[in-house]
N, C-alpha and C. Protein backbone atom coordinates (compact mmCIF):
# COMPACT_ATOMS: atom_id res chain seq x y z
N MET A 1 58.11 63.12 219.29
CA MET A 1 59.32 62.72 218.75
C MET A 1 59.56 64.63 217.57
N THR A 2 60.40 64.96 217.82
CA THR A 2 61.07 66.11 217.12
C THR A 2 60.34 65.97 215.37
N LYS A 3 59.67 67.13 214.60
CA LYS A 3 59.50 66.47 213.16
C LYS A 3 60.83 67.36 212.29
N PRO A 4 61.01 67.09 211.38
CA PRO A 4 62.44 66.61 210.56
C PRO A 4 61.94 68.71 210.01
N ASP A 5 63.25 69.20 209.89
CA ASP A 5 63.38 70.56 209.43
C ASP A 5 62.40 71.46 210.05
N ILE A 6 62.25 71.03 211.49
CA ILE A 6 61.75 72.31 212.14
C ILE A 6 62.62 73.18 213.07
N ASP A 7 62.18 74.39 212.69
CA ASP A 7 63.41 75.66 213.16
C ASP A 7 62.79 75.79 214.68
N SER A 8 63.30 75.18 215.80
CA SER A 8 62.42 75.28 216.59
C SER A 8 63.00 76.91 217.37
N GLU A 9 64.34 77.45 216.81
CA GLU A 9 64.32 78.95 217.59
C GLU A 9 63.25 79.46 216.98
N LEU A 10 63.63 80.05 215.66
CA LEU A 10 62.28 80.53 214.60
C LEU A 10 61.37 80.44 215.60
N LEU A 11 60.46 79.63 215.73
CA LEU A 11 58.90 79.28 216.32
C LEU A 11 58.95 80.03 217.73
N ARG A 12 60.29 79.99 218.47
CA ARG A 12 60.35 80.97 219.68
C ARG A 12 60.84 81.85 219.35
N ILE A 13 60.93 82.46 218.45
CA ILE A 13 61.20 84.35 218.39
C ILE A 13 59.70 84.62 217.92
N VAL A 14 59.11 83.96 217.10
CA VAL A 14 58.08 84.58 216.63
C VAL A 14 56.78 84.37 218.02
N GLU A 15 56.75 83.58 218.12
CA GLU A 15 55.68 83.55 219.69
C GLU A 15 56.15 84.39 220.84
N SER A 16 57.35 84.23 220.75
CA SER A 16 57.14 85.84 222.21
C SER A 16 57.23 86.91 221.38
N ASP A 17 57.61 87.46 220.16
CA ASP A 17 57.57 88.74 219.21
C ASP A 17 56.10 88.80 219.48
N LEU A 18 55.16 87.73 219.12
CA LEU A 18 53.84 88.00 219.01
C LEU A 18 53.01 88.48 220.05
N SER A 19 53.31 87.64 220.86
CA SER A 19 52.54 87.74 222.19
C SER A 19 53.04 89.05 222.93
N TYR A 20 54.32 89.36 222.71
CA TYR A 20 54.95 90.98 222.94
C TYR A 20 53.97 91.87 222.74
N ILE A 21 53.98 91.73 220.99
CA ILE A 21 53.37 92.94 220.65
C ILE A 21 51.83 93.04 220.79
N ALA A 22 51.00 91.74 220.82
CA ALA A 22 49.85 91.90 221.31
C ALA A 22 49.68 92.19 222.75
N ALA A 23 50.68 91.90 223.83
CA ALA A 23 50.41 92.78 224.90
C ALA A 23 50.59 94.31 224.90
N CYS A 24 51.33 94.74 223.82
CA CYS A 24 51.77 96.26 224.33
C CYS A 24 50.69 96.77 223.36
N THR A 25 49.99 96.52 222.41
CA THR A 25 49.13 97.17 221.50
C THR A 25 47.78 97.27 222.02
N LYS A 26 47.17 96.06 223.22
CA LYS A 26 45.77 95.37 223.37
C LYS A 26 45.14 96.72 223.53
N ASP A 27 45.80 97.92 224.30
CA ASP A 27 44.69 98.86 224.91
C ASP A 27 45.26 100.13 223.89
N GLY A 28 46.37 100.14 223.61
CA GLY A 28 46.55 101.57 222.33
C GLY A 28 47.22 102.74 223.17
N ILE A 29 47.75 102.22 224.90
CA ILE A 29 48.03 103.04 225.57
C ILE A 29 49.49 103.20 225.71
N LEU A 30 50.24 103.36 224.64
CA LEU A 30 51.73 103.60 224.65
C LEU A 30 52.61 104.50 223.98
N SER A 31 53.85 104.66 224.29
CA SER A 31 54.30 105.80 223.75
C SER A 31 54.53 105.28 222.21
N ASP A 32 55.05 107.03 221.69
CA ASP A 32 55.31 106.71 220.17
C ASP A 32 57.09 106.17 220.27
N ASP A 33 57.43 106.43 221.53
CA ASP A 33 58.86 105.72 221.49
C ASP A 33 58.83 103.74 221.83
N MET A 34 57.77 103.64 222.73
CA MET A 34 57.95 101.84 222.58
C MET A 34 57.13 101.93 221.08
N LEU A 35 56.43 102.66 220.10
CA LEU A 35 56.25 101.98 218.56
C LEU A 35 56.92 101.91 218.02
N ARG A 36 58.08 102.87 218.24
CA ARG A 36 59.43 103.09 217.51
C ARG A 36 60.18 101.32 217.90
N ARG A 37 59.94 101.10 218.99
CA ARG A 37 61.10 99.63 219.51
C ARG A 37 60.25 98.72 218.86
N LEU A 38 58.72 98.45 218.82
CA LEU A 38 58.16 97.22 218.48
C LEU A 38 58.24 97.47 216.94
N SER A 39 58.51 98.25 216.25
CA SER A 39 58.58 98.37 214.49
C SER A 39 59.92 97.92 213.97
N VAL A 40 60.84 97.17 215.24
CA VAL A 40 61.67 96.22 214.76
C VAL A 40 61.56 94.69 214.80
N PRO A 41 60.58 94.15 215.48
CA PRO A 41 59.81 92.55 215.66
C PRO A 41 58.52 92.90 215.00
N LEU A 42 58.20 93.81 214.33
CA LEU A 42 56.81 93.75 213.34
C LEU A 42 57.81 93.91 211.50
N ARG A 43 59.18 94.36 211.81
CA ARG A 43 59.79 94.33 210.59
C ARG A 43 60.34 92.92 210.49
N GLN A 44 60.67 91.75 211.64
CA GLN A 44 61.46 90.66 211.20
C GLN A 44 60.22 89.95 211.17
N LEU A 45 59.00 89.74 211.77
CA LEU A 45 57.84 89.13 211.07
C LEU A 45 57.33 89.47 209.91
N PHE A 46 57.49 90.45 209.42
CA PHE A 46 56.49 90.65 208.09
C PHE A 46 57.20 91.28 207.07
N ILE A 47 58.24 91.78 207.23
CA ILE A 47 58.67 92.29 206.31
C ILE A 47 60.07 91.14 205.69
N ASP A 48 60.68 90.83 206.83
CA ASP A 48 61.56 89.38 207.09
C ASP A 48 61.25 87.87 206.77
N ASP A 49 59.72 88.25 207.10
CA ASP A 49 58.86 86.74 206.79
C ASP A 49 59.01 85.94 207.66
N TYR A 50 59.19 86.43 209.04
CA TYR A 50 59.19 85.38 209.92
C TYR A 50 58.10 85.05 210.47
N PHE A 51 56.89 85.68 209.93
CA PHE A 51 55.66 84.79 210.30
C PHE A 51 54.87 83.80 209.29
N ILE A 52 55.25 84.00 208.46
CA ILE A 52 54.98 83.42 207.20
C ILE A 52 55.89 82.10 207.10
N ARG A 53 57.31 82.08 207.81
CA ARG A 53 57.80 81.02 207.62
C ARG A 53 57.69 80.07 208.71
N ALA A 54 57.34 80.56 209.97
CA ALA A 54 56.31 79.89 211.23
C ALA A 54 55.22 79.08 210.49
N TRP A 55 54.44 79.97 210.25
CA TRP A 55 53.05 79.10 209.48
C TRP A 55 53.03 77.99 208.42
N ARG A 56 54.06 78.35 207.54
CA ARG A 56 54.21 77.31 206.68
C ARG A 56 54.95 76.00 207.48
N THR A 57 56.12 76.35 208.08
CA THR A 57 56.69 74.97 208.91
C THR A 57 55.86 73.96 209.67
N LEU A 58 54.95 74.76 210.48
CA LEU A 58 54.03 73.82 211.17
C LEU A 58 52.59 73.41 209.80
N SER A 59 52.80 73.97 208.70
CA SER A 59 51.85 73.30 208.31
C SER A 59 50.13 73.75 208.03
N LEU A 60 50.51 74.97 208.42
CA LEU A 60 48.63 75.22 209.12
C LEU A 60 48.53 76.07 207.31
N GLU A 61 46.71 75.47 207.81
CA GLU A 61 46.36 76.40 206.73
C GLU A 61 45.23 77.26 207.23
N PRO A 62 44.47 78.12 206.20
CA PRO A 62 44.97 77.94 204.60
C PRO A 62 46.61 78.25 204.56
N LYS A 63 46.93 78.52 203.19
CA LYS A 63 48.23 79.00 202.89
C LYS A 63 48.54 80.26 203.33
N GLN A 64 47.87 81.47 202.82
CA GLN A 64 48.25 82.64 203.66
C GLN A 64 46.97 82.79 204.64
N PRO A 65 47.49 83.32 205.97
CA PRO A 65 46.90 83.90 207.23
C PRO A 65 45.65 84.80 207.01
N ARG A 66 45.03 85.00 207.64
CA ARG A 66 43.82 86.18 207.39
C ARG A 66 43.97 87.31 208.38
N ILE A 67 43.81 88.34 207.92
CA ILE A 67 44.10 89.46 208.88
C ILE A 67 42.90 90.26 208.56
N VAL A 68 41.83 91.25 209.48
CA VAL A 68 40.76 91.73 209.05
C VAL A 68 41.50 93.42 209.46
N GLY A 69 41.17 94.19 208.23
CA GLY A 69 42.06 95.85 208.35
C GLY A 69 41.01 96.66 207.66
N ILE A 70 41.40 97.90 207.53
CA ILE A 70 40.24 98.79 207.22
C ILE A 70 41.20 98.81 205.57
N PHE A 71 39.93 98.96 204.56
CA PHE A 71 40.18 98.71 203.51
C PHE A 71 39.93 100.53 202.58
N LEU A 72 41.09 101.02 202.38
CA LEU A 72 40.85 102.22 201.85
C LEU A 72 40.66 102.24 200.54
N GLN A 73 39.04 102.42 200.15
CA GLN A 73 39.21 102.48 198.51
C GLN A 73 39.64 104.18 198.36
N THR A 74 40.29 103.88 197.28
CA THR A 74 41.17 105.13 196.53
C THR A 74 40.05 105.19 195.01
N GLU A 75 39.68 105.06 194.83
CA GLU A 75 39.48 105.27 193.35
C GLU A 75 38.19 106.57 193.14
N HIS A 76 37.89 106.91 194.27
CA HIS A 76 37.10 107.90 194.28
C HIS A 76 37.50 109.31 195.01
N LEU A 77 39.17 108.99 195.07
CA LEU A 77 39.39 109.95 196.15
C LEU A 77 40.08 110.93 194.92
N THR A 78 40.36 112.01 195.05
CA THR A 78 40.88 113.11 194.16
C THR A 78 42.43 113.32 195.04
N PRO A 79 42.88 114.01 193.32
CA PRO A 79 44.37 114.30 193.94
C PRO A 79 44.39 115.42 195.10
N SER A 80 43.27 115.84 195.21
CA SER A 80 43.82 117.16 196.49
C SER A 80 43.63 116.68 197.48
N THR A 81 43.42 114.99 198.16
CA THR A 81 43.16 114.59 198.93
C THR A 81 44.26 113.72 199.84
N VAL A 82 44.23 113.67 201.10
CA VAL A 82 44.76 113.00 201.67
C VAL A 82 43.90 111.94 203.05
N ALA A 83 44.17 110.70 202.60
CA ALA A 83 43.38 109.63 203.69
C ALA A 83 44.26 108.96 204.22
N TYR A 84 43.27 108.47 205.70
CA TYR A 84 44.58 107.79 205.93
C TYR A 84 43.75 106.03 206.72
N ALA A 85 44.21 105.03 206.08
CA ALA A 85 43.36 103.81 206.97
C ALA A 85 43.82 103.21 208.11
N ALA A 86 42.78 103.94 209.27
CA ALA A 86 44.07 103.64 210.40
C ALA A 86 43.35 102.45 211.47
N GLY A 87 42.24 102.36 211.64
CA GLY A 87 41.42 101.27 212.47
C GLY A 87 42.20 101.07 214.00
N THR A 88 42.67 102.48 214.87
CA THR A 88 43.78 102.37 215.38
C THR A 88 42.40 102.60 216.50
N LYS A 89 43.23 101.93 217.80
CA LYS A 89 41.77 101.80 219.02
C LYS A 89 42.83 102.00 220.17
N MET A 90 42.08 103.03 221.04
CA MET A 90 42.92 103.56 222.27
C MET A 90 41.86 104.35 223.23
N HIS A 91 41.76 103.71 224.19
CA HIS A 91 40.92 104.57 225.37
C HIS A 91 39.72 104.11 224.52
N GLY A 92 39.31 102.96 224.22
CA GLY A 92 37.37 102.58 223.76
C GLY A 92 37.53 103.70 222.78
N ILE A 93 38.15 104.02 221.56
CA ILE A 93 37.91 104.81 221.05
C ILE A 93 38.47 104.14 219.30
N VAL A 94 37.51 104.02 218.74
CA VAL A 94 38.36 103.52 217.10
C VAL A 94 38.14 104.76 215.81
N VAL A 95 39.25 104.72 215.62
CA VAL A 95 39.28 105.79 214.21
C VAL A 95 39.55 104.40 212.92
N GLY A 96 38.33 104.96 212.37
CA GLY A 96 38.47 103.96 211.00
C GLY A 96 39.42 104.24 210.14
N MET A 97 38.72 105.49 209.15
CA MET A 97 39.28 105.92 207.80
C MET A 97 39.27 107.94 208.63
N MET A 98 40.09 108.13 208.04
CA MET A 98 39.99 109.57 208.39
C MET A 98 40.96 110.19 206.87
N SER A 99 40.02 111.30 206.46
CA SER A 99 40.23 111.72 205.52
C SER A 99 40.26 113.56 205.17
N ILE A 100 40.89 114.08 204.64
CA ILE A 100 41.23 115.27 204.37
C ILE A 100 41.44 115.93 202.82
N THR A 101 40.58 116.82 202.72
CA THR A 101 40.77 117.63 201.31
C THR A 101 41.31 118.86 200.93
N TYR A 102 42.31 119.06 200.27
CA TYR A 102 42.59 120.22 200.42
C TYR A 102 42.37 121.57 199.25
N GLY A 103 42.11 122.88 199.67
CA GLY A 103 42.03 123.43 198.00
C GLY A 103 40.47 123.65 198.25
N PRO A 104 40.24 124.35 197.06
CA PRO A 104 38.38 124.52 196.87
C PRO A 104 38.15 123.55 195.89
N SER A 105 37.09 123.14 196.01
CA SER A 105 36.74 121.91 195.18
C SER A 105 36.32 122.47 193.55
N SER A 106 36.86 121.27 193.17
CA SER A 106 36.95 121.54 191.58
C SER A 106 35.64 121.60 190.84
N GLY A 107 34.21 121.09 191.61
CA GLY A 107 33.19 121.61 190.53
C GLY A 107 32.73 120.23 190.73
N GLU A 108 33.64 119.32 190.15
CA GLU A 108 32.98 118.19 189.62
C GLU A 108 33.29 117.17 190.91
N ASP A 109 33.51 117.23 191.93
CA ASP A 109 33.58 116.33 193.26
C ASP A 109 32.54 116.25 193.57
N LYS A 110 32.08 115.18 193.77
CA LYS A 110 31.14 114.11 194.37
C LYS A 110 31.07 114.08 195.70
N PRO A 111 30.16 114.50 196.55
CA PRO A 111 30.38 113.66 198.03
C PRO A 111 29.75 112.50 197.92
N THR A 112 30.49 111.82 198.55
CA THR A 112 29.93 110.38 198.79
C THR A 112 29.59 110.11 200.94
N PRO A 113 28.71 109.33 200.88
CA PRO A 113 28.33 109.03 202.17
C PRO A 113 29.71 108.61 203.01
N SER A 114 29.72 109.01 203.92
CA SER A 114 30.72 108.48 205.17
C SER A 114 30.37 106.60 205.36
N PRO A 115 31.19 105.82 205.15
CA PRO A 115 30.69 104.36 205.53
C PRO A 115 30.56 104.14 206.99
N GLN A 116 30.61 103.08 207.29
CA GLN A 116 29.69 102.73 209.18
C GLN A 116 31.45 101.81 209.22
N PHE A 117 32.38 102.00 210.34
CA PHE A 117 33.24 101.38 211.00
C PHE A 117 33.12 99.95 209.70
N ASN A 118 32.07 99.05 210.33
CA ASN A 118 32.26 97.86 210.22
C ASN A 118 32.03 97.45 208.41
N ASP A 119 31.61 98.46 207.42
CA ASP A 119 31.46 98.79 206.07
C ASP A 119 33.09 98.76 205.44
N MET A 120 33.68 99.40 206.57
CA MET A 120 35.22 99.15 205.92
C MET A 120 36.49 98.24 206.27
N GLU A 121 35.67 97.20 207.43
CA GLU A 121 36.69 96.54 207.15
C GLU A 121 36.49 95.27 206.22
N HIS A 122 37.78 94.80 205.90
CA HIS A 122 37.89 93.87 204.93
C HIS A 122 38.80 92.65 205.43
N GLU A 123 38.61 91.13 204.78
CA GLU A 123 39.44 90.29 205.30
C GLU A 123 40.69 90.11 204.48
N PHE A 124 41.71 90.43 204.43
CA PHE A 124 42.80 90.48 203.44
C PHE A 124 43.79 89.12 203.98
N THR A 125 44.35 88.31 202.64
CA THR A 125 45.44 87.33 202.96
C THR A 125 46.53 88.03 203.35
N LEU A 126 47.41 87.65 204.36
CA LEU A 126 48.55 88.61 204.89
C LEU A 126 49.12 89.26 204.10
N SER A 127 49.77 88.74 202.66
CA SER A 127 50.51 89.57 201.99
C SER A 127 49.84 90.68 201.46
N ASP A 128 48.30 90.38 201.44
CA ASP A 128 47.37 91.38 200.59
C ASP A 128 47.51 92.67 201.61
N TYR A 129 47.37 92.23 203.29
CA TYR A 129 47.61 92.95 203.95
C TYR A 129 48.29 94.50 204.01
N LEU A 130 50.00 93.38 204.07
CA LEU A 130 51.09 94.16 203.82
C LEU A 130 50.91 95.09 202.47
N ARG A 131 50.37 94.82 201.48
CA ARG A 131 50.32 95.41 200.21
C ARG A 131 49.20 96.74 200.30
N SER A 132 48.34 96.62 201.07
CA SER A 132 46.99 97.77 200.94
C SER A 132 47.42 98.71 201.20
N THR A 133 47.02 99.53 200.89
CA THR A 133 46.98 101.37 201.35
C THR A 133 46.99 102.05 202.47
N ALA A 134 47.85 102.13 203.02
CA ALA A 134 47.84 102.78 204.60
C ALA A 134 47.39 104.09 204.33
N ILE A 135 47.91 105.10 203.71
CA ILE A 135 48.00 106.34 203.27
C ILE A 135 47.92 106.53 201.87
N TYR A 136 46.78 107.79 201.18
CA TYR A 136 46.41 108.06 200.05
C TYR A 136 47.25 109.43 200.58
N TYR A 137 48.00 109.82 199.63
CA TYR A 137 48.33 111.28 199.47
C TYR A 137 48.60 111.81 198.07
N HIS A 138 48.01 112.79 197.61
CA HIS A 138 47.66 113.19 196.76
C HIS A 138 47.69 112.32 196.00
N GLY A 139 47.41 111.57 195.41
CA GLY A 139 47.03 110.46 194.09
C GLY A 139 48.21 109.21 194.83
N THR A 140 49.43 109.18 196.01
CA THR A 140 50.51 108.33 195.64
C THR A 140 49.33 107.57 197.01
N CYS A 141 49.75 106.44 196.92
CA CYS A 141 49.31 104.87 197.85
C CYS A 141 50.36 104.34 198.86
N ILE A 142 50.38 104.55 200.09
CA ILE A 142 51.72 104.48 201.20
C ILE A 142 51.18 102.67 201.34
N GLN A 143 51.85 101.62 201.17
CA GLN A 143 51.52 100.52 201.90
C GLN A 143 52.14 100.31 203.48
N ARG A 144 51.12 98.97 203.97
CA ARG A 144 51.51 99.06 205.51
C ARG A 144 52.77 99.11 205.21
N ARG A 145 53.27 97.77 204.57
CA ARG A 145 54.50 97.53 205.17
C ARG A 145 55.65 98.50 204.67
N GLN A 146 54.82 99.26 203.78
CA GLN A 146 56.34 100.94 204.21
C GLN A 146 56.35 101.40 205.29
N ILE A 147 55.18 101.61 205.73
CA ILE A 147 55.38 102.06 207.04
C ILE A 147 56.01 101.31 208.58
N ILE A 148 55.63 100.10 208.20
CA ILE A 148 56.90 99.10 208.96
C ILE A 148 58.34 99.43 208.71
N GLN A 149 58.42 99.40 207.39
CA GLN A 149 59.84 99.72 206.67
C GLN A 149 60.20 101.14 207.27
N TYR A 150 59.35 102.05 207.15
CA TYR A 150 60.10 103.38 207.63
C TYR A 150 60.37 103.99 209.27
N ILE A 151 60.00 103.54 210.03
CA ILE A 151 59.58 103.79 211.52
C ILE A 151 61.03 102.73 211.38
N ALA A 152 61.13 101.22 211.22
CA ALA A 152 62.48 100.55 211.54
C ALA A 152 63.51 101.27 210.83
N ASN A 153 63.46 101.24 209.90
CA ASN A 153 64.89 101.84 209.13
C ASN A 153 65.07 103.51 209.22
N LYS A 154 64.20 104.54 209.31
CA LYS A 154 64.64 105.23 209.02
C LYS A 154 64.18 106.37 210.54
N LYS A 155 63.51 106.23 211.02
CA LYS A 155 63.15 106.84 211.86
C LYS A 155 63.12 106.35 213.72
N GLY A 156 64.57 105.31 213.41
CA GLY A 156 65.22 104.70 214.92
C GLY A 156 64.87 103.68 215.49
N GLY A 157 63.70 102.58 214.70
CA GLY A 157 63.49 101.36 214.95
C GLY A 157 64.80 100.79 215.65
N ALA A 158 65.14 100.33 214.15
CA ALA A 158 67.05 99.76 214.20
C ALA A 158 67.76 100.80 213.74
N HIS A 159 67.48 101.64 212.77
CA HIS A 159 67.85 102.50 212.24
C HIS A 159 67.46 104.19 211.93
N LEU A 160 68.49 104.82 212.08
CA LEU A 160 68.09 106.35 212.17
C LEU A 160 68.52 106.74 211.22
N ASP A 161 67.69 107.44 210.02
CA ASP A 161 68.68 107.75 208.77
C ASP A 161 67.89 108.79 207.71
N HIS A 162 68.57 109.99 208.16
CA HIS A 162 67.68 111.24 207.49
C HIS A 162 68.02 111.60 206.36
N LYS A 163 68.51 110.62 205.55
CA LYS A 163 68.67 111.18 204.47
C LYS A 163 67.74 110.23 203.56
N ARG A 164 67.02 110.80 202.40
CA ARG A 164 66.18 110.79 201.36
C ARG A 164 66.76 110.58 200.03
N ALA A 165 66.90 109.41 198.86
CA ALA A 165 67.32 109.47 197.80
C ALA A 165 66.21 110.21 197.26
N GLU A 166 66.84 110.03 196.11
CA GLU A 166 65.96 110.40 194.99
C GLU A 166 64.19 110.16 194.61
N ASP A 167 64.66 108.85 195.07
CA ASP A 167 63.55 107.76 194.37
C ASP A 167 62.87 107.32 195.70
N ASP A 168 62.95 108.27 196.96
CA ASP A 168 62.02 107.56 198.23
C ASP A 168 61.30 108.69 198.34
N HIS A 169 60.49 108.46 197.45
CA HIS A 169 58.74 109.51 197.32
C HIS A 169 58.33 109.01 198.56
N ALA A 170 58.05 107.42 198.69
CA ALA A 170 57.20 107.34 200.01
C ALA A 170 57.67 107.73 200.97
N TYR A 171 59.34 107.56 201.53
CA TYR A 171 59.59 108.29 202.69
C TYR A 171 59.12 109.74 202.59
N LYS A 172 59.57 110.53 202.08
CA LYS A 172 59.13 111.21 202.06
C LYS A 172 57.80 112.13 202.23
N ILE A 173 56.74 111.85 201.96
CA ILE A 173 55.37 111.63 202.01
C ILE A 173 55.09 111.32 203.25
N LEU A 174 55.85 110.11 204.01
CA LEU A 174 55.96 110.00 205.43
C LEU A 174 56.36 110.77 206.37
N ASP A 175 57.27 111.43 206.13
CA ASP A 175 58.05 112.65 206.70
C ASP A 175 56.73 113.50 207.25
N GLU A 176 56.14 113.86 205.73
CA GLU A 176 55.23 114.91 205.70
C GLU A 176 53.80 114.43 206.74
N GLY A 177 53.43 112.92 206.65
CA GLY A 177 52.53 112.57 207.42
C GLY A 177 53.23 112.41 208.96
N LEU A 178 54.05 112.69 209.33
CA LEU A 178 54.08 113.16 210.83
C LEU A 178 53.28 114.16 211.35
N GLN A 179 53.03 115.47 210.19
CA GLN A 179 52.60 116.18 210.66
C GLN A 179 50.70 116.35 211.02
N THR A 180 50.48 115.23 210.75
CA THR A 180 48.89 114.97 211.05
C THR A 180 48.93 113.98 212.41
N VAL A 181 47.86 114.50 213.25
CA VAL A 181 47.60 113.83 214.59
C VAL A 181 45.91 112.62 214.14
N ILE A 182 46.53 111.41 214.75
CA ILE A 182 45.24 110.68 214.79
C ILE A 182 45.80 110.32 216.38
N LEU A 183 44.18 110.59 216.65
CA LEU A 183 43.97 110.38 218.49
C LEU A 183 45.34 110.56 219.08
N ASN A 184 45.56 111.82 219.01
CA ASN A 184 46.65 112.30 219.87
C ASN A 184 48.32 111.82 219.54
N ARG A 185 48.27 111.34 218.45
CA ARG A 185 49.58 110.44 218.04
C ARG A 185 49.67 110.96 216.33
N ASP A 186 51.07 111.01 216.66
CA ASP A 186 51.59 111.47 215.01
C ASP A 186 51.42 110.53 213.99
N SER A 187 50.33 110.34 212.99
CA SER A 187 49.18 109.64 212.37
C SER A 187 50.62 108.11 212.01
N VAL A 188 51.60 108.24 211.45
CA VAL A 188 52.31 107.35 210.82
C VAL A 188 52.44 106.55 212.36
N PHE A 189 52.86 106.82 213.52
CA PHE A 189 52.88 106.02 214.67
C PHE A 189 51.52 105.46 214.76
N SER A 190 50.23 106.31 214.62
CA SER A 190 49.26 105.45 214.64
C SER A 190 49.04 104.49 214.18
N LEU A 191 49.31 104.75 212.49
CA LEU A 191 49.13 103.66 211.82
C LEU A 191 50.00 102.46 212.30
N LEU A 192 51.17 102.43 212.59
CA LEU A 192 51.91 101.22 212.81
C LEU A 192 51.12 100.64 214.08
N LEU A 193 50.35 101.43 214.75
CA LEU A 193 49.92 100.35 216.44
C LEU A 193 48.92 99.85 215.96
N SER A 194 47.96 100.64 214.69
CA SER A 194 46.81 99.85 213.94
C SER A 194 46.94 98.26 213.21
N ILE A 195 48.37 98.37 212.91
CA ILE A 195 48.99 97.28 212.43
C ILE A 195 48.90 96.28 213.02
N GLY A 196 49.83 96.82 214.17
CA GLY A 196 49.94 96.14 215.12
C GLY A 196 48.84 95.17 215.78
N GLN A 197 48.39 95.75 216.32
CA GLN A 197 46.98 95.23 216.34
C GLN A 197 45.64 94.55 215.99
N ALA A 198 45.80 94.94 214.68
CA ALA A 198 45.14 93.86 213.60
C ALA A 198 46.00 92.91 213.40
N ILE A 199 47.01 92.66 213.38
CA ILE A 199 47.04 91.61 213.32
C ILE A 199 47.58 90.44 214.37
N SER A 200 47.48 91.38 215.92
CA SER A 200 47.43 90.62 217.20
C SER A 200 45.97 90.25 217.59
N GLU A 201 45.08 90.74 216.71
CA GLU A 201 43.68 90.23 217.22
C GLU A 201 42.98 89.63 216.34
N ALA A 202 43.96 88.81 214.97
CA ALA A 202 43.85 87.76 214.16
C ALA A 202 43.81 86.63 214.26
N PRO A 203 42.77 86.04 214.29
CA PRO A 203 42.16 84.32 214.76
C PRO A 203 43.78 83.84 214.18
N ASP A 204 44.03 83.85 213.11
CA ASP A 204 45.07 83.12 212.55
C ASP A 204 46.11 83.50 213.21
N THR A 205 46.39 84.72 213.91
CA THR A 205 47.46 84.92 214.94
C THR A 205 47.52 84.44 215.61
N LYS A 206 46.19 84.29 216.41
CA LYS A 206 46.19 83.65 217.76
C LYS A 206 46.38 81.95 217.83
N ARG A 207 45.79 81.37 216.53
CA ARG A 207 46.02 80.23 216.27
C ARG A 207 47.65 79.75 216.40
N LEU A 208 48.69 80.72 215.57
CA LEU A 208 49.72 80.25 215.04
C LEU A 208 50.47 80.28 216.31
N ILE A 209 50.53 81.08 217.36
CA ILE A 209 51.17 80.85 218.80
C ILE A 209 50.58 80.10 219.26
N SER A 210 48.91 79.63 219.31
CA SER A 210 48.77 78.50 219.83
C SER A 210 49.31 76.95 219.73
N GLU A 211 49.43 77.05 218.25
CA GLU A 211 50.20 76.08 217.44
C GLU A 211 51.91 75.92 217.83
N ILE A 212 52.14 76.98 218.02
CA ILE A 212 53.97 77.06 218.22
C ILE A 212 54.05 76.54 220.06
N LYS A 213 53.07 76.99 220.70
CA LYS A 213 53.00 76.59 222.08
C LYS A 213 52.73 75.03 222.20
N ALA A 214 52.11 74.61 221.80
CA ALA A 214 51.66 73.17 221.97
C ALA A 214 53.23 72.43 220.88
N TYR A 215 53.66 72.88 219.98
CA TYR A 215 54.89 72.19 219.32
C TYR A 215 55.70 72.03 220.82
N LEU A 216 56.53 73.30 221.05
CA LEU A 216 57.37 73.60 221.60
C LEU A 216 57.45 72.76 223.07
N THR A 217 56.02 72.69 223.56
CA THR A 217 55.33 71.91 224.78
C THR A 217 55.67 70.62 224.48
N SER A 218 55.68 69.99 223.38
CA SER A 218 55.44 68.71 223.37
C SER A 218 57.17 67.70 222.80
N ARG A 219 58.11 68.12 222.57
CA ARG A 219 59.34 68.40 222.61
C ARG A 219 59.95 67.62 223.56
């Protein structure tokens, strides 16, 4: 029997898009153009909240699904540093965090040991993951959700928009970020790939896909 207030069309879209993103990002072997196109379902799922709406529609617990991703600790970074919370996987290689310090040392900077990959991983709630720092750029933190919005809204995923308003500080930083390469890919696209991979590999994402399939099959 059909449950009341169940949006079956929403569930079908979410299951289809999550399965497609997982298939495309699994090995990390895809072009920037394919990633650009993937930014559109990522935007629908995580900016327009299709994912969490489907999760709540099926009354899944906990209230917030969990995502494991790289946690970029910014409190010890200096304004002369640019750092990326990647987690990108490609050809069996994993890039955890990458940082670059520009200019001479102030003399006060203290070297910190490089963490192991597992030490950089952190379990986030979905909302905290999307708000977490993807890029630290000379004192400014760029969130993962802003990476999705930038590629979908500015770089041709859904819209191509070269204009930058005076308050589009994050987008201007991301324009600069395209000049850095991670695993032979422009860094911002590499970060989008890592977002797709982290979300696809999350047990709660796989559970949502399974629950949607079970529900749609039972109708």
